[in-house]
Amino acid sequence: MTQTQLIRRHPDSSIDVDFYRTRATSLRGQAKRDATTLRCAGVLAMVGALAVVFLVLLVAVAPMHAHSARPSPSSTPITQGAVL
């Protein structure tokens, strides 16, 4: 089962190397663009994951600080009749 390949040739039957060189350059450029896009997508996903972790930690730690910042009712002196 032999298949013939269509090879682009010049009128003098020599192979059109410039055609294949241009095609390879185009495909290489596309591969570089795809790799850059994938790399950027990975970085954005990592930044998003870190942001979610940071927000979860911030929400978990915030109630602890809210209780320590307010004075307890028993520690505040009661002043009756004080004029300010």
C-alpha atoms as a PDB file:
ATOM      1  CA  MET A   1       0.000   0.000   0.000  1.00  0.00           C
ATOM      2  CA  THR A   2       2.127   2.810  -1.302  1.00  0.00           C
ATOM      3  CA  GLN A   3       0.845   6.353  -1.245  1.00  0.00           C
ATOM      4  CA  THR A   4       2.392   9.098  -3.260  1.00  0.00           C
ATOM      5  CA  GLN A   5       2.981  12.410  -1.533  1.00  0.00           C
ATOM      6  CA  LEU A   6       2.303  15.630  -3.308  1.00  0.00           C
ATOM      7  CA  ILE A   7       5.558  17.526  -3.078  1.00  0.00           C
ATOM      8  CA  ARG A   8       5.626  21.120  -4.157  1.00  0.00           C
ATOM      9  CA  ARG A   9       8.154  21.534  -6.938  1.00  0.00           C
ATOM     10  CA  HIS A  10       9.474  24.247  -9.214  1.00  0.00           C
ATOM     11  CA  PRO A  11       8.864  23.993 -12.984  1.00  0.00           C
ATOM     12  CA  ASP A  12      12.354  22.478 -13.363  1.00  0.00           C
ATOM     13  CA  SER A  13      11.306  19.590 -11.005  1.00  0.00           C
ATOM     14  CA  SER A  14      13.443  20.756  -8.065  1.00  0.00           C
ATOM     15  CA  ILE A  15      11.790  20.826  -4.641  1.00  0.00           C
ATOM     16  CA  ASP A  16      10.449  24.222  -3.564  1.00  0.00           C
ATOM     17  CA  VAL A  17      12.463  24.517  -0.345  1.00  0.00           C
ATOM     18  CA  ASP A  18      11.423  28.129   0.249  1.00  0.00           C
ATOM     19  CA  PHE A  19       7.774  27.086   0.410  1.00  0.00           C
ATOM     20  CA  TYR A  20       8.498  24.511   3.118  1.00  0.00           C
ATOM     21  CA  ARG A  21      10.844  26.865   4.985  1.00  0.00           C
ATOM     22  CA  THR A  22       8.154  29.575   5.103  1.00  0.00           C
ATOM     23  CA  ARG A  23       5.575  27.048   6.213  1.00  0.00           C
ATOM     24  CA  ALA A  24       7.844  25.737   8.991  1.00  0.00           C
ATOM     25  CA  THR A  25       8.562  29.288  10.177  1.00  0.00           C
ATOM     26  CA  SER A  26       4.848  30.016  10.336  1.00  0.00           C
ATOM     27  CA  LEU A  27       4.123  26.820  12.287  1.00  0.00           C
ATOM     28  CA  ARG A  28       7.013  27.532  14.681  1.00  0.00           C
ATOM     29  CA  GLY A  29       5.664  31.023  15.350  1.00  0.00           C
ATOM     30  CA  GLN A  30       2.204  29.622  16.041  1.00  0.00           C
ATOM     31  CA  ALA A  31       3.662  27.053  18.438  1.00  0.00           C
ATOM     32  CA  LYS A  32       5.519  29.816  20.320  1.00  0.00           C
ATOM     33  CA  ARG A  33       2.324  31.879  20.607  1.00  0.00           C
ATOM     34  CA  ASP A  34       0.410  28.844  21.874  1.00  0.00           C
ATOM     35  CA  ALA A  35       3.111  28.086  24.453  1.00  0.00           C
ATOM     36  CA  THR A  36       3.081  31.697  25.674  1.00  0.00           C
ATOM     37  CA  THR A  37      -0.705  31.641  25.972  1.00  0.00           C
ATOM     38  CA  LEU A  38      -0.603  28.420  27.978  1.00  0.00           C
ATOM     39  CA  ARG A  39       2.147  29.771  30.223  1.00  0.00           C
ATOM     40  CA  CYS A  40       0.162  32.964  30.903  1.00  0.00           C
ATOM     41  CA  ALA A  41      -2.971  30.953  31.606  1.00  0.00           C
ATOM     42  CA  GLY A  42      -1.043  28.848  34.122  1.00  0.00           C
ATOM     43  CA  VAL A  43       0.312  31.946  35.857  1.00  0.00           C
ATOM     44  CA  LEU A  44      -3.160  33.503  36.007  1.00  0.00           C
ATOM     45  CA  ALA A  45      -4.605  30.300  37.445  1.00  0.00           C
ATOM     46  CA  MET A  46      -1.895  30.250  40.118  1.00  0.00           C
ATOM     47  CA  VAL A  47      -2.518  33.904  41.018  1.00  0.00           C
ATOM     48  CA  GLY A  48      -6.252  33.233  41.226  1.00  0.00           C
ATOM     49  CA  ALA A  49      -5.724  30.220  43.483  1.00  0.00           C
ATOM     50  CA  LEU A  50      -3.438  32.226  45.773  1.00  0.00           C
ATOM     51  CA  ALA A  51      -5.999  35.029  45.920  1.00  0.00           C
ATOM     52  CA  VAL A  52      -8.712  32.578  46.972  1.00  0.00           C
ATOM     53  CA  VAL A  53      -6.441  31.108  49.671  1.00  0.00           C
ATOM     54  CA  PHE A  54      -5.583  34.609  50.906  1.00  0.00           C
ATOM     55  CA  LEU A  55      -9.253  35.607  51.081  1.00  0.00           C
ATOM     56  CA  VAL A  56     -10.193  32.411  52.922  1.00  0.00           C
ATOM     57  CA  LEU A  57      -7.422  33.026  55.464  1.00  0.00           C
ATOM     58  CA  LEU A  58      -8.463  36.654  55.795  1.00  0.00           C
ATOM     59  CA  VAL A  59     -12.061  35.679  56.526  1.00  0.00           C
ATOM     60  CA  ALA A  60     -10.941  32.994  58.989  1.00  0.00           C
ATOM     61  CA  VAL A  61      -8.596  35.331  60.907  1.00  0.00           C
ATOM     62  CA  ALA A  62     -10.840  38.433  60.876  1.00  0.00           C
ATOM     63  CA  PRO A  63     -13.279  37.226  63.600  1.00  0.00           C
ATOM     64  CA  MET A  64     -10.359  36.545  65.951  1.00  0.00           C
ATOM     65  CA  HIS A  65      -9.092  40.112  65.607  1.00  0.00           C
ATOM     66  CA  ALA A  66     -12.576  41.594  65.882  1.00  0.00           C
ATOM     67  CA  HIS A  67     -13.081  40.073  69.353  1.00  0.00           C
ATOM     68  CA  SER A  68      -9.686  41.149  70.645  1.00  0.00           C
ATOM     69  CA  ALA A  69     -10.114  44.746  69.446  1.00  0.00           C
ATOM     70  CA  ARG A  70     -13.358  45.351  71.360  1.00  0.00           C
ATOM     71  CA  PRO A  71     -13.075  45.855  75.101  1.00  0.00           C
ATOM     72  CA  SER A  72     -15.098  43.459  77.151  1.00  0.00           C
ATOM     73  CA  PRO A  73     -18.134  44.950  78.913  1.00  0.00           C
ATOM     74  CA  SER A  74     -16.803  44.060  82.382  1.00  0.00           C
ATOM     75  CA  SER A  75     -13.533  45.960  81.899  1.00  0.00           C
ATOM     76  CA  THR A  76     -15.089  49.316  81.034  1.00  0.00           C
ATOM     77  CA  PRO A  77     -15.786  51.521  84.034  1.00  0.00           C
ATOM     78  CA  ILE A  78     -19.338  52.649  84.488  1.00  0.00           C
ATOM     79  CA  THR A  79     -19.556  56.360  85.051  1.00  0.00           C
ATOM     80  CA  GLN A  80     -22.896  57.642  86.092  1.00  0.00           C
ATOM     81  CA  GLY A  81     -23.629  61.277  85.955  1.00  0.00           C
ATOM     82  CA  ALA A  82     -20.394  62.197  84.265  1.00  0.00           C
ATOM     83  CA  VAL A  83     -20.618  65.339  82.201  1.00  0.00           C
ATOM     84  CA  LEU A  84     -18.420  65.619  79.157  1.00  0.00           C
END
